[in-house]
Protein backbone atom coordinates (compact mmCIF):
# COMPACT_ATOMS: atom_id res chain seq x y z
CA MET A 1 135.36 127.69 84.32
CA LEU A 2 135.97 126.87 87.97
CA ASP A 3 135.00 123.50 89.45
CA LEU A 4 133.51 124.39 92.86
CA PRO A 5 131.04 122.82 95.31
CA LEU A 6 128.85 125.95 95.23
CA ALA A 7 127.17 127.78 92.37
CA TYR A 8 128.89 131.05 91.59
CA LEU A 9 129.45 134.02 89.30
CA HIS A 10 133.01 135.02 88.44
CA ARG A 11 134.48 138.21 87.08
CA PRO A 12 138.10 137.42 86.23
CA ALA A 13 141.00 139.76 86.74
CA ALA A 14 142.32 141.51 83.64
CA LEU A 15 144.46 139.37 81.38
CA GLY A 16 148.13 139.79 82.12
CA THR A 17 147.59 140.88 85.73
CA VAL A 18 150.67 140.13 87.84
CA ASN A 19 149.86 138.85 91.33
CA PRO A 20 146.06 139.14 91.16
CA SER A 21 143.92 139.05 94.29
CA LEU A 22 140.60 137.31 94.97
CA LEU A 23 137.50 138.87 96.53
CA VAL A 24 134.89 136.29 97.56
CA LEU A 25 131.41 137.75 98.12
CA MET A 26 128.48 136.11 99.92
CA HIS A 27 124.89 137.34 99.81
CA GLY A 28 122.33 137.84 102.54
CA VAL A 29 119.43 135.56 103.41
CA GLY A 30 116.79 135.21 100.71
CA SER A 31 119.05 136.44 97.92
CA ASN A 32 121.47 134.76 95.51
CA GLU A 33 124.87 135.06 93.84
CA ALA A 34 123.65 137.70 91.38
CA ASP A 35 122.96 140.21 94.15
CA LEU A 36 126.46 141.36 95.15
CA PHE A 37 127.85 140.43 91.75
CA GLY A 38 126.39 143.70 90.56
CA LEU A 39 129.29 145.36 92.40
CA ALA A 40 131.95 143.31 90.62
CA ASP A 41 132.54 145.76 87.79
CA THR A 42 133.43 148.49 90.29
CA VAL A 43 136.28 146.43 91.78
CA ALA A 44 139.78 147.09 90.47
CA LEU A 45 140.77 144.94 87.48
CA ASP A 46 143.67 143.28 89.29
CA TRP A 47 141.09 141.42 91.40
CA HIS A 48 139.12 138.30 90.61
CA VAL A 49 135.59 138.67 92.02
CA LEU A 50 133.74 135.49 92.95
CA SER A 51 130.14 135.67 94.16
CA LEU A 52 128.88 132.47 95.79
CA ARG A 53 125.34 131.10 96.20
CA GLY A 54 124.32 129.85 99.62
CA PRO A 55 123.56 126.10 99.71
CA LEU A 56 120.15 126.41 101.36
CA THR A 57 117.18 126.98 99.02
CA LEU A 58 114.32 129.02 100.47
CA GLY A 59 112.41 129.57 97.22
CA PRO A 60 112.91 130.53 93.59
CA ARG A 61 116.23 132.41 93.36
CA ALA A 62 116.14 132.73 97.16
CA HIS A 63 119.01 131.14 99.07
CA ALA A 64 120.71 131.34 102.44
CA TRP A 65 123.65 130.06 104.42
CA PHE A 66 121.44 129.09 107.36
CA GLU A 67 117.88 129.62 108.55
CA VAL A 68 117.07 132.26 111.17
CA GLN A 69 114.01 132.46 113.40
CA PHE A 70 113.10 135.72 115.14
CA GLY A 71 111.55 135.57 118.58
CA PRO A 72 111.14 137.73 121.69
CA THR A 73 114.70 136.96 122.79
CA GLY A 74 116.21 137.85 119.42
CA PRO A 75 117.32 135.87 116.37
CA ARG A 76 117.94 132.15 116.70
CA ILE A 77 119.99 130.45 114.02
CA HIS A 78 119.89 126.88 112.74
CA GLU A 79 123.27 125.93 114.19
CA GLU A 80 123.82 122.76 112.18
CA GLN A 81 123.13 124.54 108.88
CA GLU A 82 125.61 127.26 109.82
CA ARG A 83 128.28 124.67 110.69
CA GLN A 84 127.68 122.84 107.41
CA SER A 85 127.86 126.04 105.38
CA ARG A 86 131.05 127.11 107.13
CA ALA A 87 132.59 123.71 106.45
CA LEU A 88 131.53 123.92 102.80
CA LEU A 89 133.13 127.34 102.48
CA THR A 90 136.37 126.09 104.00
CA ARG A 91 136.55 123.72 101.02
CA THR A 92 135.19 126.04 98.34
CA ILE A 93 137.40 129.08 98.93
CA PRO A 94 140.77 127.24 98.88
CA GLN A 95 139.67 125.33 95.78
CA ALA A 96 138.81 128.59 94.00
CA ALA A 97 142.08 130.19 95.04
CA GLN A 98 144.10 127.16 93.95
CA GLN A 99 142.38 126.95 90.55
CA LEU A 100 143.02 130.66 90.00
CA GLY A 101 146.62 130.42 91.18
CA ILE A 102 146.12 132.85 94.07
CA PRO A 103 147.72 132.33 97.51
CA ALA A 104 145.58 132.68 100.61
CA SER A 105 147.58 135.80 101.49
CA ARG A 106 145.83 137.56 98.57
CA VAL A 107 142.27 136.41 99.35
CA VAL A 108 139.59 138.58 100.97
CA VAL A 109 136.23 137.06 101.94
CA GLY A 110 133.01 138.67 103.07
CA GLY A 111 129.65 140.01 102.13
CA PHE A 112 126.44 141.60 103.30
CA SER A 113 124.28 140.63 106.28
CA GLN A 114 124.35 136.82 106.54
CA GLY A 115 127.13 136.71 103.95
CA GLY A 116 129.19 139.05 106.10
CA ILE A 117 128.50 136.84 109.09
CA MET A 118 130.00 133.91 107.18
CA GLY A 119 133.01 135.95 106.06
CA LEU A 120 133.72 137.10 109.61
CA SER A 121 133.32 133.58 110.97
CA LEU A 122 135.73 132.21 108.38
CA LEU A 123 138.43 134.80 109.03
CA LEU A 124 138.24 134.38 112.80
CA THR A 125 138.05 130.57 112.90
CA GLN A 126 140.03 129.62 109.76
CA PRO A 127 142.51 132.48 109.29
CA ALA A 128 144.73 130.39 107.02
CA LEU A 129 142.03 130.68 104.31
CA ALA A 130 142.28 134.43 103.74
CA GLN A 131 144.18 137.59 104.54
CA GLY A 132 141.11 139.69 105.22
CA ALA A 133 137.35 140.05 105.38
CA VAL A 134 134.75 142.64 104.39
CA VAL A 135 131.85 142.56 106.84
CA MET A 136 128.87 144.77 106.00
CA HIS A 137 125.75 145.02 108.20
CA SER A 138 126.49 141.77 110.02
CA ARG A 139 127.16 140.34 113.44
CA LEU A 140 129.44 137.90 115.23
CA LEU A 141 127.62 134.68 116.07
CA GLU A 142 127.75 133.65 119.71
CA GLN A 143 128.33 130.08 118.53
CA VAL A 144 131.50 131.16 116.73
CA GLU A 145 133.14 133.14 119.53
CA PRO A 146 134.51 130.03 121.35
CA LEU A 147 136.03 128.87 118.04
CA ILE A 148 138.12 131.99 117.38
CA ALA A 149 141.66 130.98 116.43
CA PRO A 150 144.66 131.70 118.68
CA ALA A 151 145.86 135.29 118.51
CA ALA A 152 149.14 134.34 116.83
CA GLN A 153 147.22 132.97 113.83
CA LEU A 154 145.25 136.21 113.46
CA SER A 155 148.22 138.54 113.59
CA GLY A 156 148.25 140.95 110.65
CA LYS A 157 144.89 139.91 109.24
CA GLN A 158 142.78 142.72 107.76
CA LEU A 159 139.16 143.34 108.73
CA TRP A 160 136.64 145.86 107.41
CA VAL A 161 133.42 146.29 109.41
CA SER A 162 130.70 148.75 108.36
CA HIS A 163 127.10 149.26 109.37
CA GLY A 164 124.10 151.54 108.89
CA VAL A 165 123.28 153.66 111.93
CA GLU A 166 119.56 153.10 111.30
CA ASP A 167 119.74 149.38 110.55
CA ALA A 168 116.57 147.83 111.96
CA VAL A 169 117.36 144.26 110.82
CA ILE A 170 120.76 143.87 112.50
CA PRO A 171 121.12 146.71 115.02
CA LEU A 172 124.22 148.89 115.11
CA SER A 173 125.02 147.43 118.53
CA ARG A 174 125.94 144.17 116.76
CA ALA A 175 128.63 145.92 114.72
CA GLN A 176 129.87 147.63 117.87
CA ALA A 177 130.12 144.20 119.50
CA ILE A 178 132.28 142.97 116.59
CA ARG A 179 134.50 146.02 117.04
CA ASP A 180 134.84 145.48 120.77
CA THR A 181 135.71 141.80 120.33
CA VAL A 182 138.27 142.13 117.56
CA GLN A 183 139.99 145.12 119.17
CA LYS A 184 141.30 142.58 121.67
CA LEU A 185 142.89 140.59 118.82
CA PRO A 186 145.99 141.39 116.71
CA LEU A 187 143.87 142.23 113.65
CA ASN A 188 144.06 145.41 111.60
CA LEU A 189 140.49 146.68 112.01
CA THR A 190 138.77 149.39 109.99
CA TYR A 191 135.35 150.22 111.47
CA GLN A 192 132.94 152.73 109.92
CA THR A 193 129.27 153.61 110.19
CA PHE A 194 127.10 155.16 107.49
CA PRO A 195 123.67 156.81 107.25
CA GLY A 196 120.85 154.46 106.34
CA GLY A 197 119.44 151.09 107.24
CA HIS A 198 120.03 147.50 106.16
CA GLU A 199 121.44 148.29 102.75
CA ILE A 200 124.70 149.07 100.98
CA ARG A 201 124.62 152.68 99.88
CA PRO A 202 127.07 154.08 97.30
CA ALA A 203 129.21 155.92 99.87
CA GLU A 204 129.71 152.74 101.87
CA TRP A 205 130.73 150.68 98.87
CA GLU A 206 133.08 153.42 97.69
CA ALA A 207 134.76 153.30 101.08
CA VAL A 208 135.06 149.51 100.80
CA ARG A 209 136.64 149.90 97.35
CA ARG A 210 139.20 152.35 98.74
CA TRP A 211 139.98 149.94 101.57
CA LEU A 212 140.50 147.09 99.10
CA SER A 213 142.91 149.22 97.08
CA GLN A 214 144.98 149.98 100.19
CA VAL A 215 144.74 146.72 102.13
CA SER A 216 148.05 144.98 102.78
CA LEU A 217 148.20 141.71 100.83
CA ASN A 218 151.32 139.63 100.30
């Protein structure tokens, strides 16, 4: 049992695994830790999989990392909630890694939609926390861009970005904007698009699994 500030579900690595890695997953708005945990059994057995619950309660079994309002000028986030969630994650993820005996160089964070937003924000602003991030159907927050760490701290970090070409919730242009921003940084970027909308289809997750099996962790 892990002692963490956030509720979670944990699939441990196989007993006897030498140098295990840690994949931290974060759900989208209105969901919970059980959502992406359904993918845990497809992840290689030398990985711990930790699925976290967002701290903001929207309703029964409905949680988020921050509130979003949609208006004529586009989505507007609750900036203080986002800052608080990011700060909470900067405590939670190192605590989980420490309790599992995993160095930050073997940690990958990320998720879907709002969870991917948080994973991307963490990697870019707190690169000492993880070696990589999986960002699915997400975007880079304008509020986070000024906080991106110096290039030297991002050197060699691994980033997966994928998106649905028909995504009507977070348009494909948002993923393209992530790509254009991080291409200016010394990150190792893998960028892919897939048929479909705001959802993780089997082909996309299979590609993520292949990336995880090949990603360079120390």
